[in-house]
């Protein structure tokens, strides 16, 4: 079976749905945020406003100038132009088009697609940003087909193996340093790099589906260029998420995660990793408590109407604050 269908969201279906939306007649689209809000089951106004203010932190008005100097990967377009760049920016443009299509196509928006770790000069919508000092970075749920796979079915924690697992590309120095310490260290660790075209790496390991990884009690989340892709699905499973304190965040609001409550906090140099594994092998109740807290946190992302409302309110605020 193709790896495309083993554990992840179906990208083919996502692209098909996204391009159908691109072709949907504009005169049939009607934006009614009040009606959408009323249709959301158990709408928690305080929580939703808190999330909205977290994603869009800057309260200041600003202006978009056609002559503004751009910085790394930043673009500045009329909404009517977004449909023309869809094929060059893949899922990012489809994710943005899914919501901008409800607004006047004469409006303008600044965006930064990709793994963003720097702060734009003007308010721009991004997938990721640093956890701190990030007011110009407005988070949207970009590349969600890859980053927001959530586990729907899993085995109980106590039936899982007493080991920590990790698979991923080891392009970054901090990932290589981790593997230097723990690759083949003991039976507690099943970790290794899986880089296409780099199967001969000294830290290479066989491919593992998400379902295979979920057979272990502990799964490591290591930030890559920005965040770790696997954090979302680990926290929606019956395995424990082990990670260092996040430096970057996405729609998940990694900066709001509480160490040793939503996930197991590991020292930046991983010096206490083995100690933490052994501790939670012996303390099952504490482990299951952290897993329960993580699962509860992930529930807020599962209601599509709530997610739609937040994205539309982010754009509404953006166009208002930019004087449009």
Protein backbone atom coordinates (compact mmCIF):
# COMPACT_ATOMS: atom_id res chain seq x y z
CA UNK A 1 0.00 0.00 0.00
CA UNK A 2 1.25 3.48 -0.82
CA UNK A 3 2.55 5.45 2.16
CA UNK A 4 0.18 8.24 1.12
CA UNK A 5 -2.76 6.23 2.48
CA UNK A 6 -1.16 4.53 5.50
CA UNK A 7 -1.60 7.13 8.21
CA UNK A 8 -1.96 10.67 6.94
CA UNK A 9 -4.75 12.82 5.55
CA UNK A 10 -5.44 12.20 1.87
CA UNK A 11 -3.65 14.94 -0.08
CA UNK A 12 -5.22 13.96 -3.39
CA UNK A 13 -8.71 14.49 -1.99
CA UNK A 14 -7.61 17.74 -0.37
CA UNK A 15 -6.24 19.17 -3.63
CA UNK A 16 -9.40 18.14 -5.49
CA UNK A 17 -11.65 19.79 -2.90
CA UNK A 18 -9.48 22.92 -2.81
CA UNK A 19 -9.50 23.45 -6.56
CA UNK A 20 -13.26 22.91 -6.72
CA UNK A 21 -13.59 25.79 -4.23
CA UNK A 22 -11.44 27.95 -6.48
CA UNK A 23 -13.97 27.51 -9.28
CA UNK A 24 -17.07 28.08 -7.14
CA UNK A 25 -19.12 31.04 -8.47
CA UNK A 26 -18.50 34.12 -6.31
CA UNK A 27 -22.08 35.36 -6.58
CA UNK A 28 -23.26 32.21 -4.75
CA UNK A 29 -21.02 32.89 -1.73
CA UNK A 30 -22.58 34.70 1.20
CA UNK A 31 -20.66 35.44 4.40
CA UNK A 32 -22.83 35.42 7.52
CA UNK A 33 -20.64 35.21 10.61
CA UNK A 34 -23.53 35.63 13.03
CA UNK A 35 -25.37 32.69 11.49
CA UNK A 36 -22.19 30.62 11.54
CA UNK A 37 -21.59 31.43 15.20
CA UNK A 38 -25.15 30.42 16.12
CA UNK A 39 -24.71 27.12 14.30
CA UNK A 40 -21.65 26.17 16.37
CA UNK A 41 -22.62 23.68 19.04
CA UNK A 42 -21.71 24.79 22.57
CA UNK A 43 -20.13 28.04 21.36
CA UNK A 44 -17.89 29.31 24.16
CA UNK A 45 -17.59 33.02 23.41
CA UNK A 46 -14.83 33.66 25.95
CA UNK A 47 -12.69 30.77 24.73
CA UNK A 48 -13.19 31.65 21.07
CA UNK A 49 -12.30 35.29 21.65
CA UNK A 50 -9.23 34.18 23.57
CA UNK A 51 -8.12 32.05 20.62
CA UNK A 52 -8.84 34.87 18.17
CA UNK A 53 -6.73 37.29 20.21
CA UNK A 54 -3.95 34.71 20.43
CA UNK A 55 -3.76 34.16 16.69
CA UNK A 56 -4.10 37.86 15.94
CA UNK A 57 -2.15 39.62 18.69
CA UNK A 58 -1.54 43.08 17.26
CA UNK A 59 -4.32 45.57 18.11
CA UNK A 60 -2.78 48.41 16.08
CA UNK A 61 -4.07 49.83 12.81
CA UNK A 62 -1.71 49.70 9.82
CA UNK A 63 -1.71 50.46 6.12
CA UNK A 64 -0.74 48.39 3.14
CA UNK A 65 1.38 50.34 0.66
CA UNK A 66 1.90 49.07 -2.87
CA UNK A 67 5.52 50.23 -2.68
CA UNK A 68 6.36 48.57 0.64
CA UNK A 69 9.65 46.69 0.73
CA UNK A 70 9.13 42.96 1.20
CA UNK A 71 11.22 40.68 3.36
CA UNK A 72 11.95 36.96 3.19
CA UNK A 73 9.12 35.06 1.48
CA UNK A 74 6.56 37.82 2.09
CA UNK A 75 4.01 38.56 -0.61
CA UNK A 76 1.39 41.26 -0.86
CA UNK A 77 -1.56 40.70 -3.16
CA UNK A 78 -5.13 41.59 -3.96
CA UNK A 79 -7.39 38.67 -3.14
CA UNK A 80 -8.35 38.44 -6.82
CA UNK A 81 -4.73 37.50 -7.58
CA UNK A 82 -4.53 34.59 -5.14
CA UNK A 83 -6.19 32.18 -7.54
CA UNK A 84 -3.38 32.76 -10.02
CA UNK A 85 -0.64 31.67 -7.61
CA UNK A 86 -2.37 28.53 -6.40
CA UNK A 87 -0.29 26.07 -8.39
CA UNK A 88 3.00 27.60 -7.24
CA UNK A 89 2.25 27.53 -3.51
CA UNK A 90 0.17 24.37 -3.25
CA UNK A 91 -1.76 23.76 -0.06
CA UNK A 92 -0.92 27.17 1.43
CA UNK A 93 -2.75 29.09 -1.26
CA UNK A 94 -5.65 26.63 -1.20
CA UNK A 95 -5.99 27.03 2.57
CA UNK A 96 -6.02 30.82 2.24
CA UNK A 97 -8.37 30.83 -0.76
CA UNK A 98 -10.79 28.67 1.20
CA UNK A 99 -11.59 31.72 3.33
CA UNK A 100 -10.64 34.81 1.30
CA UNK A 101 -13.18 33.80 -1.37
CA UNK A 102 -15.93 35.07 0.96
CA UNK A 103 -14.58 38.64 0.89
CA UNK A 104 -14.36 41.35 -1.75
CA UNK A 105 -11.61 40.36 -4.16
CA UNK A 106 -10.35 43.96 -4.28
CA UNK A 107 -9.06 43.68 -0.71
CA UNK A 108 -5.33 43.17 -0.13
CA UNK A 109 -3.46 40.85 2.19
CA UNK A 110 0.19 40.21 3.08
CA UNK A 111 1.23 36.62 3.63
CA UNK A 112 4.32 34.50 4.22
CA UNK A 113 4.09 30.86 3.12
CA UNK A 114 6.38 28.08 4.31
CA UNK A 115 8.25 27.39 7.55
CA UNK A 116 8.41 30.94 8.93
CA UNK A 117 10.66 31.70 11.90
CA UNK A 118 11.25 35.43 11.34
CA UNK A 119 8.83 38.29 11.93
CA UNK A 120 7.36 40.18 8.95
CA UNK A 121 7.72 43.96 8.73
CA UNK A 122 3.96 44.43 8.48
CA UNK A 123 1.11 42.23 9.79
CA UNK A 124 1.04 39.11 7.62
CA UNK A 125 -0.72 35.77 7.80
CA UNK A 126 1.66 32.87 8.40
CA UNK A 127 1.64 29.18 9.30
CA UNK A 128 4.28 29.54 12.01
CA UNK A 129 6.02 32.13 14.17
CA UNK A 130 8.32 32.38 17.20
CA UNK A 131 6.52 31.83 20.50
CA UNK A 132 7.58 35.29 21.74
CA UNK A 133 7.81 38.79 20.16
CA UNK A 134 5.53 37.84 17.30
CA UNK A 135 2.85 40.55 16.99
CA UNK A 136 3.15 40.98 13.21
CA UNK A 137 2.73 37.24 12.62
CA UNK A 138 -0.94 36.32 12.32
CA UNK A 139 -1.49 32.59 12.52
CA UNK A 140 -3.75 30.69 10.16
CA UNK A 141 -4.20 26.95 9.77
CA UNK A 142 -1.93 26.60 6.74
CA UNK A 143 -0.77 23.26 5.36
CA UNK A 144 -3.39 21.61 7.57
CA UNK A 145 -3.57 18.51 5.38
CA UNK A 146 -0.04 17.69 6.60
CA UNK A 147 0.08 19.32 10.02
CA UNK A 148 -3.39 18.57 11.33
CA UNK A 149 -3.71 14.84 11.05
CA UNK A 150 -5.46 13.73 14.27
CA UNK A 151 -5.62 10.15 15.54
CA UNK A 152 -9.13 8.71 15.49
CA UNK A 153 -8.47 5.20 16.78
CA UNK A 154 -5.75 3.95 19.10
CA UNK A 155 -4.97 1.14 21.55
CA UNK A 156 -4.96 1.82 25.32
CA UNK A 157 -1.79 3.27 26.83
CA UNK A 158 -1.13 0.25 29.04
CA UNK A 159 -1.09 -2.10 26.03
CA UNK A 160 1.71 -0.12 24.36
CA UNK A 161 5.41 -0.96 24.44
CA UNK A 162 7.74 0.56 27.03
CA UNK A 163 9.88 2.48 24.58
CA UNK A 164 10.30 5.88 22.98
CA UNK A 165 10.03 6.16 19.21
CA UNK A 166 11.00 8.85 16.69
CA UNK A 167 11.31 8.96 12.92
CA UNK A 168 12.05 12.01 10.83
CA UNK A 169 14.42 13.81 8.52
CA UNK A 170 17.67 14.67 10.26
CA UNK A 171 18.72 17.74 8.27
CA UNK A 172 19.02 20.11 11.23
CA UNK A 173 22.04 20.00 13.59
CA UNK A 174 19.91 19.65 16.72
CA UNK A 175 18.23 16.53 15.31
CA UNK A 176 21.60 15.03 14.39
CA UNK A 177 22.90 15.69 17.91
CA UNK A 178 19.89 13.90 19.36
CA UNK A 179 20.56 10.85 17.20
CA UNK A 180 24.24 10.89 18.16
CA UNK A 181 23.15 10.39 21.77
CA UNK A 182 20.30 7.92 21.45
CA UNK A 183 20.51 5.99 18.17
CA UNK A 184 20.88 2.32 19.14
CA UNK A 185 21.44 3.26 22.77
CA UNK A 186 19.17 0.66 24.37
CA UNK A 187 15.91 -1.20 24.00
CA UNK A 188 14.13 1.87 25.39
CA UNK A 189 14.82 3.76 22.16
CA UNK A 190 13.59 3.11 18.65
CA UNK A 191 14.82 6.28 16.96
CA UNK A 192 16.38 7.04 13.62
CA UNK A 193 16.38 9.22 10.56
CA UNK A 194 14.25 8.50 7.55
CA UNK A 195 15.42 10.81 4.79
CA UNK A 196 14.50 10.09 1.21
CA UNK A 197 17.70 9.50 -0.72
CA UNK A 198 19.73 9.23 2.48
CA UNK A 199 19.13 5.60 3.43
CA UNK A 200 22.87 5.07 3.93
CA UNK A 201 23.07 7.56 6.81
CA UNK A 202 24.73 6.16 9.94
CA UNK A 203 21.50 6.96 11.80
CA UNK A 204 19.12 5.59 9.16
CA UNK A 205 16.11 3.57 10.28
CA UNK A 206 13.25 1.86 8.52
CA UNK A 207 10.09 3.78 7.69
CA UNK A 208 7.35 3.61 10.35
CA UNK A 209 3.74 4.55 9.80
CA UNK A 210 1.97 6.60 12.44
CA UNK A 211 0.06 3.47 13.44
CA UNK A 212 3.35 1.65 13.98
CA UNK A 213 4.69 4.48 16.12
CA UNK A 214 1.51 4.45 18.20
CA UNK A 215 2.42 0.98 19.46
CA UNK A 216 4.92 2.73 21.78
CA UNK A 217 4.00 4.57 24.97
CA UNK A 218 6.33 7.49 24.33
CA UNK A 219 6.78 9.47 21.11
CA UNK A 220 9.33 12.23 20.72
CA UNK A 221 8.46 15.52 19.06
CA UNK A 222 11.52 17.41 17.77
CA UNK A 223 11.17 20.81 16.13
CA UNK A 224 12.44 20.93 12.55
CA UNK A 225 12.72 24.11 10.50
CA UNK A 226 9.96 25.51 12.70
CA UNK A 227 7.59 23.23 14.63
CA UNK A 228 7.43 19.45 14.74
CA UNK A 229 4.73 18.07 12.45
CA UNK A 230 3.94 15.13 14.72
CA UNK A 231 2.99 17.10 17.86
CA UNK A 232 -0.68 17.31 16.85
CA UNK A 233 -1.24 13.63 16.21
CA UNK A 234 0.75 12.55 19.27
CA UNK A 235 -1.39 14.75 21.53
CA UNK A 236 -4.58 13.32 20.02
CA UNK A 237 -3.45 9.74 20.72
CA UNK A 238 -3.02 7.47 23.74
CA UNK A 239 0.77 7.88 23.67
CA UNK A 240 2.73 10.52 25.59
CA UNK A 241 4.30 13.49 23.83
CA UNK A 242 7.93 14.09 24.89
CA UNK A 243 9.52 17.36 23.78
CA UNK A 244 11.67 20.33 24.72
CA UNK A 245 9.96 23.66 25.36
CA UNK A 246 8.63 24.89 21.97
CA UNK A 247 10.44 27.82 20.36
CA UNK A 248 7.93 28.16 17.51
CA UNK A 249 4.18 27.81 17.26
CA UNK A 250 1.36 27.27 14.78
CA UNK A 251 -2.45 27.05 14.89
CA UNK A 252 -1.96 24.52 17.71
CA UNK A 253 -0.86 27.42 19.96
CA UNK A 254 2.22 25.53 21.15
CA UNK A 255 3.05 28.50 23.36
CA UNK A 256 -0.03 27.69 25.46
CA UNK A 257 0.96 24.10 26.16
CA UNK A 258 1.78 23.49 29.82
CA UNK A 259 4.93 21.41 30.50
CA UNK A 260 4.33 18.15 32.37
CA UNK A 261 0.58 18.72 32.03
CA UNK A 262 0.00 18.50 28.27
CA UNK A 263 3.38 16.97 27.43
CA UNK A 264 6.55 15.73 29.12
CA UNK A 265 9.16 18.47 29.21
CA UNK A 266 12.67 17.37 28.23
CA UNK A 267 15.85 19.38 28.79
CA UNK A 268 17.14 21.09 25.64
CA UNK A 269 20.18 18.78 25.65
CA UNK A 270 17.99 15.69 26.30
CA UNK A 271 20.03 14.91 29.41
CA UNK A 272 16.95 13.80 31.37
CA UNK A 273 15.21 11.87 28.58
CA UNK A 274 15.98 8.36 29.80
CA UNK A 275 15.13 9.33 33.37
CA UNK A 276 11.72 10.63 32.23
CA UNK A 277 10.99 7.45 30.27
CA UNK A 278 11.72 5.25 33.27
CA UNK A 279 9.69 7.50 35.56
CA UNK A 280 6.53 7.24 33.47
CA UNK A 281 6.95 3.51 32.97
CA UNK A 282 6.65 3.25 36.76
CA UNK A 283 3.97 5.96 37.20
CA UNK A 284 1.14 4.90 34.92
CA UNK A 285 -1.55 7.07 36.54
CA UNK A 286 0.48 10.25 36.03
CA UNK A 287 1.19 9.26 32.44
CA UNK A 288 -2.48 8.67 31.67
CA UNK A 289 -3.35 12.00 33.31
CA UNK A 290 -1.02 13.88 30.93
CA UNK A 291 -2.45 11.98 27.97
CA UNK A 292 -5.98 12.89 29.05
CA UNK A 293 -5.02 16.57 29.36
CA UNK A 294 -3.47 16.49 25.88
CA UNK A 295 -6.57 14.85 24.39
CA UNK A 296 -8.81 17.45 26.02
CA UNK A 297 -6.65 20.26 24.61
CA UNK A 298 -6.95 18.84 21.10
CA UNK A 299 -10.75 18.76 21.17
CA UNK A 300 -10.97 22.50 20.50
CA UNK A 301 -9.55 21.95 16.99
CA UNK A 302 -12.05 19.28 15.95
CA UNK A 303 -15.15 21.42 15.33
CA UNK A 304 -15.00 22.56 11.70
CA UNK A 305 -17.51 25.36 12.17
CA UNK A 306 -15.51 26.81 15.06
CA UNK A 307 -12.35 26.64 12.96
CA UNK A 308 -14.14 28.33 10.05
CA UNK A 309 -15.48 31.10 12.29
CA UNK A 310 -12.03 31.85 13.69
CA UNK A 311 -10.43 32.08 10.24
CA UNK A 312 -13.14 34.37 8.94
CA UNK A 313 -12.88 36.61 12.02
CA UNK A 314 -9.09 36.78 11.60
CA UNK A 315 -9.53 38.01 8.03
CA UNK A 316 -12.32 40.38 9.00
CA UNK A 317 -10.06 41.90 11.67
CA UNK A 318 -7.14 42.07 9.22
CA UNK A 319 -9.11 43.99 6.60
CA UNK A 320 -10.55 46.30 9.24
CA UNK A 321 -7.22 47.09 10.93
CA UNK A 322 -5.55 47.67 7.55
CA UNK A 323 -8.10 50.38 6.76
CA UNK A 324 -9.86 48.47 4.00
